[in-house]
Amino acid sequence: MLAGLAALGLLLAFHAVMQFAVAQGDAWRQAQVTHASAVHQCNGMPGLQARNLCKSGLARGNAGERLSPVRNLVTGRPLD
């Protein structure tokens, strides 16, 4: 009986970990899509100086926080 309860507990813990991993994977994919969209917008800007300024903002991460609402599920902070 005790072994059955322990096995059930381990199964539930495994399920929770896998759900968290899937959610983090979805969040990472969303962040990648958002970043790719921002790069595409930068590449479409008229003028070399405007494109370079936009891309440097992305490289510093300044625009990433404005563009990506994706947050870490544990800490609540924006994903890097």
C-alpha atoms as a PDB file:
ATOM      1  CA  MET A   1       0.000   0.000   0.000  1.00  0.00           C
ATOM      2  CA  LEU A   2       2.773   2.429   0.952  1.00  0.00           C
ATOM      3  CA  ALA A   3       4.693   1.577  -2.213  1.00  0.00           C
ATOM      4  CA  GLY A   4       1.599   2.326  -4.288  1.00  0.00           C
ATOM      5  CA  LEU A   5       1.196   5.735  -2.669  1.00  0.00           C
ATOM      6  CA  ALA A   6       4.869   6.502  -3.205  1.00  0.00           C
ATOM      7  CA  ALA A   7       4.590   5.511  -6.872  1.00  0.00           C
ATOM      8  CA  LEU A   8       1.506   7.684  -7.283  1.00  0.00           C
ATOM      9  CA  GLY A   9       3.318  10.616  -5.656  1.00  0.00           C
ATOM     10  CA  LEU A  10       6.277  10.199  -7.989  1.00  0.00           C
ATOM     11  CA  LEU A  11       3.968   9.997 -10.984  1.00  0.00           C
ATOM     12  CA  LEU A  12       2.194  13.203  -9.955  1.00  0.00           C
ATOM     13  CA  ALA A  13       5.534  14.963  -9.407  1.00  0.00           C
ATOM     14  CA  PHE A  14       6.739  13.821 -12.842  1.00  0.00           C
ATOM     15  CA  HIS A  15       3.516  15.101 -14.408  1.00  0.00           C
ATOM     16  CA  ALA A  16       3.951  18.522 -12.759  1.00  0.00           C
ATOM     17  CA  VAL A  17       7.562  18.780 -13.942  1.00  0.00           C
ATOM     18  CA  MET A  18       6.607  17.861 -17.494  1.00  0.00           C
ATOM     19  CA  GLN A  19       3.776  20.423 -17.539  1.00  0.00           C
ATOM     20  CA  PHE A  20       6.223  23.088 -16.371  1.00  0.00           C
ATOM     21  CA  ALA A  21       8.753  22.085 -19.040  1.00  0.00           C
ATOM     22  CA  VAL A  22       6.127  22.280 -21.778  1.00  0.00           C
ATOM     23  CA  ALA A  23       4.976  25.711 -20.558  1.00  0.00           C
ATOM     24  CA  GLN A  24       8.578  26.983 -20.495  1.00  0.00           C
ATOM     25  CA  GLY A  25       9.131  25.613 -24.006  1.00  0.00           C
ATOM     26  CA  ASP A  26       6.050  27.437 -25.240  1.00  0.00           C
ATOM     27  CA  ALA A  27       7.217  30.645 -23.578  1.00  0.00           C
ATOM     28  CA  TRP A  28      10.679  30.299 -25.150  1.00  0.00           C
ATOM     29  CA  ARG A  29       9.140  29.705 -28.591  1.00  0.00           C
ATOM     30  CA  GLN A  30       6.899  32.765 -28.169  1.00  0.00           C
ATOM     31  CA  ALA A  31       9.926  34.877 -27.233  1.00  0.00           C
ATOM     32  CA  GLN A  32      11.794  33.644 -30.317  1.00  0.00           C
ATOM     33  CA  VAL A  33       8.859  34.505 -32.585  1.00  0.00           C
ATOM     34  CA  THR A  34       8.575  37.956 -31.030  1.00  0.00           C
ATOM     35  CA  HIS A  35      12.300  38.595 -31.469  1.00  0.00           C
ATOM     36  CA  ALA A  36      12.228  37.411 -35.092  1.00  0.00           C
ATOM     37  CA  SER A  37       9.321  39.763 -35.752  1.00  0.00           C
ATOM     38  CA  ALA A  38      11.237  42.665 -34.213  1.00  0.00           C
ATOM     39  CA  VAL A  39      14.302  41.898 -36.344  1.00  0.00           C
ATOM     40  CA  HIS A  40      12.083  41.758 -39.417  1.00  0.00           C
ATOM     41  CA  GLN A  41      10.648  45.176 -38.529  1.00  0.00           C
ATOM     42  CA  CYS A  42      14.164  46.566 -38.071  1.00  0.00           C
ATOM     43  CA  ASN A  43      15.230  45.184 -41.450  1.00  0.00           C
ATOM     44  CA  GLY A  44      12.227  46.856 -43.092  1.00  0.00           C
ATOM     45  CA  MET A  45      13.066  50.335 -41.832  1.00  0.00           C
ATOM     46  CA  PRO A  46      14.123  52.897 -44.415  1.00  0.00           C
ATOM     47  CA  GLY A  47      17.671  54.097 -44.033  1.00  0.00           C
ATOM     48  CA  LEU A  48      20.782  52.313 -42.852  1.00  0.00           C
ATOM     49  CA  GLN A  49      21.122  54.434 -39.715  1.00  0.00           C
ATOM     50  CA  ALA A  50      17.558  53.679 -38.581  1.00  0.00           C
ATOM     51  CA  ARG A  51      18.051  49.937 -39.180  1.00  0.00           C
ATOM     52  CA  ASN A  52      21.336  49.901 -37.275  1.00  0.00           C
ATOM     53  CA  LEU A  53      19.857  51.880 -34.360  1.00  0.00           C
ATOM     54  CA  CYS A  54      16.887  49.507 -34.193  1.00  0.00           C
ATOM     55  CA  LYS A  55      19.113  46.413 -34.275  1.00  0.00           C
ATOM     56  CA  SER A  56      21.457  47.826 -31.628  1.00  0.00           C
ATOM     57  CA  GLY A  57      18.418  48.371 -29.389  1.00  0.00           C
ATOM     58  CA  LEU A  58      17.470  44.728 -29.870  1.00  0.00           C
ATOM     59  CA  ALA A  59      21.020  43.600 -29.123  1.00  0.00           C
ATOM     60  CA  ARG A  60      21.033  45.596 -25.862  1.00  0.00           C
ATOM     61  CA  GLY A  61      17.671  44.095 -24.956  1.00  0.00           C
ATOM     62  CA  ASN A  62      15.938  47.453 -24.661  1.00  0.00           C
ATOM     63  CA  ALA A  63      13.217  46.645 -27.159  1.00  0.00           C
ATOM     64  CA  GLY A  64      12.867  43.034 -26.062  1.00  0.00           C
ATOM     65  CA  GLU A  65      11.140  43.914 -22.795  1.00  0.00           C
ATOM     66  CA  ARG A  66       8.657  46.154 -24.587  1.00  0.00           C
ATOM     67  CA  LEU A  67       7.943  43.572 -27.281  1.00  0.00           C
ATOM     68  CA  SER A  68       7.839  40.366 -25.270  1.00  0.00           C
ATOM     69  CA  PRO A  69       5.246  39.876 -22.549  1.00  0.00           C
ATOM     70  CA  VAL A  70       6.585  36.346 -21.946  1.00  0.00           C
ATOM     71  CA  ARG A  71       7.579  35.843 -18.322  1.00  0.00           C
ATOM     72  CA  ASN A  72       9.275  33.104 -16.357  1.00  0.00           C
ATOM     73  CA  LEU A  73       6.570  30.985 -14.730  1.00  0.00           C
ATOM     74  CA  VAL A  74       8.451  30.668 -11.434  1.00  0.00           C
ATOM     75  CA  THR A  75       9.968  34.122 -10.880  1.00  0.00           C
ATOM     76  CA  GLY A  76       7.548  36.242 -12.915  1.00  0.00           C
ATOM     77  CA  ARG A  77      10.439  38.151 -14.498  1.00  0.00           C
ATOM     78  CA  PRO A  78      10.670  38.615 -18.298  1.00  0.00           C
ATOM     79  CA  LEU A  79      12.556  35.874 -20.109  1.00  0.00           C
ATOM     80  CA  ASP A  80      16.046  36.731 -21.359  1.00  0.00           C
END
